[in-house]
Protein backbone atom coordinates (compact mmCIF):
# COMPACT_ATOMS: atom_id res chain seq x y z
CA MET A 1 -14.44 -4.42 30.17
CA THR A 2 -11.66 -2.32 31.03
CA ASP A 3 -8.05 -2.96 32.27
CA ALA A 4 -5.58 -1.52 35.21
CA THR A 5 -5.77 2.07 32.94
CA PRO A 6 -8.56 4.53 33.96
CA GLY A 7 -10.40 5.18 30.96
CA ARG A 8 -8.72 2.33 28.02
CA THR A 9 -10.75 -0.59 27.18
CA ASP A 10 -9.30 -3.89 26.12
CA ASP A 11 -9.29 -4.51 22.86
CA ALA A 12 -12.87 -7.00 22.78
CA ALA A 13 -14.50 -3.78 24.20
CA ARG A 14 -13.20 -1.21 21.37
CA PRO A 15 -15.19 -0.43 18.25
CA SER A 16 -13.25 -1.87 15.21
CA ARG A 17 -12.72 1.01 12.83
CA THR A 18 -12.37 -1.62 9.97
CA GLY A 19 -16.07 -1.42 9.79
CA GLY A 20 -16.36 -5.56 11.28
CA VAL A 21 -13.06 -6.68 9.56
CA PRO A 22 -10.95 -8.11 12.64
CA GLY A 23 -8.54 -5.63 13.83
CA THR A 24 -5.95 -8.30 14.22
CA LEU A 25 -6.16 -8.58 10.69
CA MET A 26 -5.97 -5.66 9.77
CA ARG A 27 -2.55 -5.17 11.94
CA VAL A 28 -0.83 -8.49 10.23
CA TRP A 29 -1.64 -6.73 7.08
CA GLY A 30 -0.54 -3.27 7.87
CA ALA A 31 2.46 -4.86 9.09
CA VAL A 32 3.82 -6.92 6.46
CA GLU A 33 2.80 -4.09 4.08
CA ALA A 34 4.83 -1.37 5.93
CA LEU A 35 8.19 -4.57 6.83
CA ILE A 36 8.07 -5.01 3.11
CA ALA A 37 8.15 -1.89 1.40
CA GLY A 38 9.72 -0.49 4.19
CA GLY A 39 12.53 -3.04 3.20
CA LEU A 40 12.54 -2.99 -0.38
CA VAL A 41 13.10 1.20 -0.64
CA ALA A 42 15.65 0.45 2.74
CA GLY A 43 17.62 -1.95 1.36
CA ALA A 44 17.72 0.93 -2.21
CA LEU A 45 19.02 3.39 0.50
CA ILE A 46 21.66 0.89 1.39
CA LEU A 47 22.42 -0.22 -1.60
CA ILE A 48 22.50 3.94 -2.99
CA MET A 49 24.77 4.36 -0.29
CA TYR A 50 26.81 1.43 -0.60
CA THR A 51 27.72 2.23 -4.05
CA VAL A 52 28.67 6.01 -3.70
CA LEU A 53 31.27 5.41 -0.69
CA ALA A 54 32.79 2.60 -3.39
CA ARG A 55 32.95 4.81 -6.29
CA TRP A 56 34.67 7.07 -4.21
CA LEU A 57 36.92 5.01 -2.08
CA ALA A 58 37.60 1.71 -4.58
CA PRO A 59 35.68 2.01 -7.84
CA GLU A 60 36.49 -2.00 -8.60
CA PHE A 61 34.26 -2.95 -5.86
CA ALA A 62 31.49 -0.80 -7.10
CA PRO A 63 28.15 -2.59 -8.39
CA TYR A 64 27.17 -0.91 -11.79
CA ILE A 65 23.68 -2.50 -11.34
CA THR A 66 22.64 0.13 -8.91
CA GLU A 67 20.55 2.39 -10.35
CA GLU A 68 18.38 -0.25 -11.94
CA VAL A 69 17.87 -2.35 -9.04
CA THR A 70 17.18 0.19 -7.31
CA VAL A 71 14.26 1.48 -9.64
CA TYR A 72 12.97 -1.85 -8.89
CA MET A 73 13.11 -1.84 -5.43
CA VAL A 74 11.33 1.83 -5.13
CA MET A 75 9.11 0.46 -7.28
CA TRP A 76 8.04 -2.31 -5.70
CA GLY A 77 8.37 -0.29 -2.49
CA VAL A 78 6.35 2.55 -3.42
CA LEU A 79 3.44 0.17 -4.85
CA LEU A 80 3.23 -2.18 -2.14
CA ALA A 81 2.31 0.94 0.45
CA VAL A 82 -0.60 2.02 -2.00
CA GLY A 83 -2.74 -0.96 -0.21
CA THR A 84 -2.43 0.78 3.45
CA VAL A 85 -2.93 4.46 2.01
CA THR A 86 -6.35 3.34 0.68
CA ARG A 87 -7.26 1.18 3.50
CA GLU A 88 -6.25 3.75 5.75
CA ARG A 89 -7.93 6.65 3.45
CA GLN A 90 -4.93 8.53 4.07
CA HIS A 91 -4.67 9.24 0.20
CA ILE A 92 -5.27 12.97 -0.95
CA ARG A 93 -8.72 13.09 -1.68
CA ALA A 94 -10.68 16.50 -3.81
CA ASP A 95 -13.08 16.73 -1.49
CA LEU A 96 -13.92 20.95 -0.94
CA VAL A 97 -17.26 20.79 -2.64
CA VAL A 98 -17.86 17.36 -0.78
CA GLN A 99 -17.32 19.09 2.77
CA LEU A 100 -20.06 21.64 2.20
CA MET A 101 -22.63 18.74 2.26
CA PRO A 102 -24.83 17.61 4.48
CA VAL A 103 -23.45 14.45 5.78
CA SER A 104 -25.59 11.81 4.93
CA ALA A 105 -24.53 12.73 1.22
CA GLN A 106 -21.19 12.97 1.95
CA ARG A 107 -20.77 9.39 3.16
CA ALA A 108 -22.33 8.25 0.81
CA LEU A 109 -19.86 10.01 -1.68
CA ASP A 110 -16.85 8.06 0.35
CA VAL A 111 -19.21 5.01 -0.51
CA LEU A 112 -19.01 5.74 -3.66
CA ALA A 113 -15.64 7.11 -4.39
CA ASN A 114 -14.47 3.30 -2.36
CA LEU A 115 -16.55 1.16 -5.39
CA VAL A 116 -15.39 2.77 -7.88
CA GLY A 117 -11.99 2.94 -6.82
CA VAL A 118 -12.58 -0.85 -6.68
CA ALA A 119 -13.31 -0.98 -10.31
CA PHE A 120 -10.72 1.12 -11.57
CA ALA A 121 -8.20 -1.49 -9.30
CA LEU A 122 -9.59 -4.34 -10.58
CA PHE A 123 -9.15 -2.73 -14.17
CA LEU A 124 -6.32 -1.97 -13.23
CA ALA A 125 -5.06 -5.27 -11.11
CA TRP A 126 -6.21 -7.02 -15.13
CA PHE A 127 -3.94 -4.50 -17.30
CA GLY A 128 -1.32 -5.05 -15.08
CA TYR A 129 -1.71 -8.77 -14.98
CA ARG A 130 -1.57 -8.71 -19.03
CA VAL A 131 1.15 -7.02 -18.97
CA ALA A 132 3.29 -9.08 -16.56
CA TYR A 133 2.14 -12.22 -18.06
CA GLU A 134 2.93 -11.07 -21.82
CA ALA A 135 6.91 -10.12 -20.67
CA TRP A 136 7.38 -13.62 -19.17
CA ASP A 137 5.89 -15.28 -21.71
CA PHE A 138 7.95 -13.65 -24.46
CA GLY A 139 10.71 -13.41 -21.90
CA ASP A 140 11.44 -9.89 -21.41
CA VAL A 141 14.44 -8.83 -19.97
CA SER A 142 16.03 -5.47 -19.26
CA ALA A 143 18.34 -4.32 -21.83
CA THR A 144 21.17 -3.59 -19.46
CA THR A 145 23.87 -6.62 -18.62
CA LEU A 146 21.72 -7.76 -15.77
CA ARG A 147 19.10 -8.96 -18.28
CA PHE A 148 16.88 -8.74 -15.11
CA PRO A 149 13.05 -10.45 -16.17
CA LEU A 150 10.99 -7.69 -16.85
CA TRP A 151 7.68 -8.78 -15.33
CA ILE A 152 9.10 -9.71 -12.11
CA TYR A 153 9.30 -5.58 -12.27
CA TYR A 154 5.59 -4.96 -13.85
CA SER A 155 4.00 -7.27 -11.25
CA CYS A 156 4.58 -4.51 -9.00
CA LEU A 157 1.21 -3.05 -10.78
CA PRO A 158 -1.39 -6.34 -10.72
CA VAL A 159 0.04 -6.93 -6.95
CA ALA A 160 -0.54 -3.11 -5.92
CA ALA A 161 -3.77 -2.76 -7.65
CA VAL A 162 -5.30 -5.96 -5.48
CA ALA A 163 -4.19 -4.35 -2.66
CA MET A 164 -5.98 -0.91 -3.31
CA ALA A 165 -8.82 -2.34 -4.11
CA LEU A 166 -9.15 -4.42 -1.06
CA GLY A 167 -7.69 -1.47 0.45
CA HIS A 168 -11.21 0.89 -1.02
CA ALA A 169 -13.60 -2.42 -0.61
CA VAL A 170 -12.56 -2.03 3.19
CA ALA A 171 -12.53 1.44 3.74
CA ALA A 172 -16.26 1.53 2.18
CA ILE A 173 -17.52 -0.92 4.51
CA ALA A 174 -15.48 0.97 7.14
CA ILE A 175 -17.83 4.43 5.81
CA LEU A 176 -20.68 1.82 5.81
CA THR A 177 -20.42 0.58 8.93
CA GLY A 178 -19.93 3.99 10.87
CA ALA A 179 -16.00 3.56 12.00
CA PRO A 180 -14.38 6.57 12.64
CA GLU A 181 -11.75 7.81 9.22
CA GLY A 182 -8.24 7.33 9.58
CA HIS A 183 -6.06 4.78 10.97
CA THR A 184 -8.01 1.07 10.60
CA ASP A 185 -6.10 -0.03 13.50
CA PRO A 186 -8.24 -0.59 16.70
CA LYS A 187 -5.02 0.08 19.06
CA ASP A 188 -4.39 3.24 17.71
CA ASP A 189 -8.36 4.41 19.28
CA PRO A 190 -8.00 7.50 21.71
CA ALA A 191 -11.05 5.85 23.33
């Protein structure tokens, strides 16, 4: 099926770049991750800018917790983006030797690398969960006057690791089904 624009197809006729995972799910998943990660990093930037201006114009109104809070916000924001980067296969890869191999060997190694990535990410999620749980169980808080519960900070590791495991699984499925490399959003398909 085609729409009114020549050379373009509607969503139903486009092949999914996610290897069978519905394109709408990938768009929503990616949008939620981008909104949360971008919001956290943008919020950290706004807090830093406010603190700089407050320290310059009215030091008595400058928050004393900016450094600590921005570390937590940026860490969560960066680690939440890992899932999207992994799913879209946009991460850094050492593939100089792999590119010299036949295409079938390249695909096999890509699938293997993603399966190893799933296993590693699940181990990281398990380990991160244990660290976050212990921080919660022991009531660990930051050493500053904020006394921030550290389990919230440590929880970014298992959350990001699960997103990374899902990203590797989606990438492996996409490779096995012949979906093109790159963005997993079918609307990005130039066809």
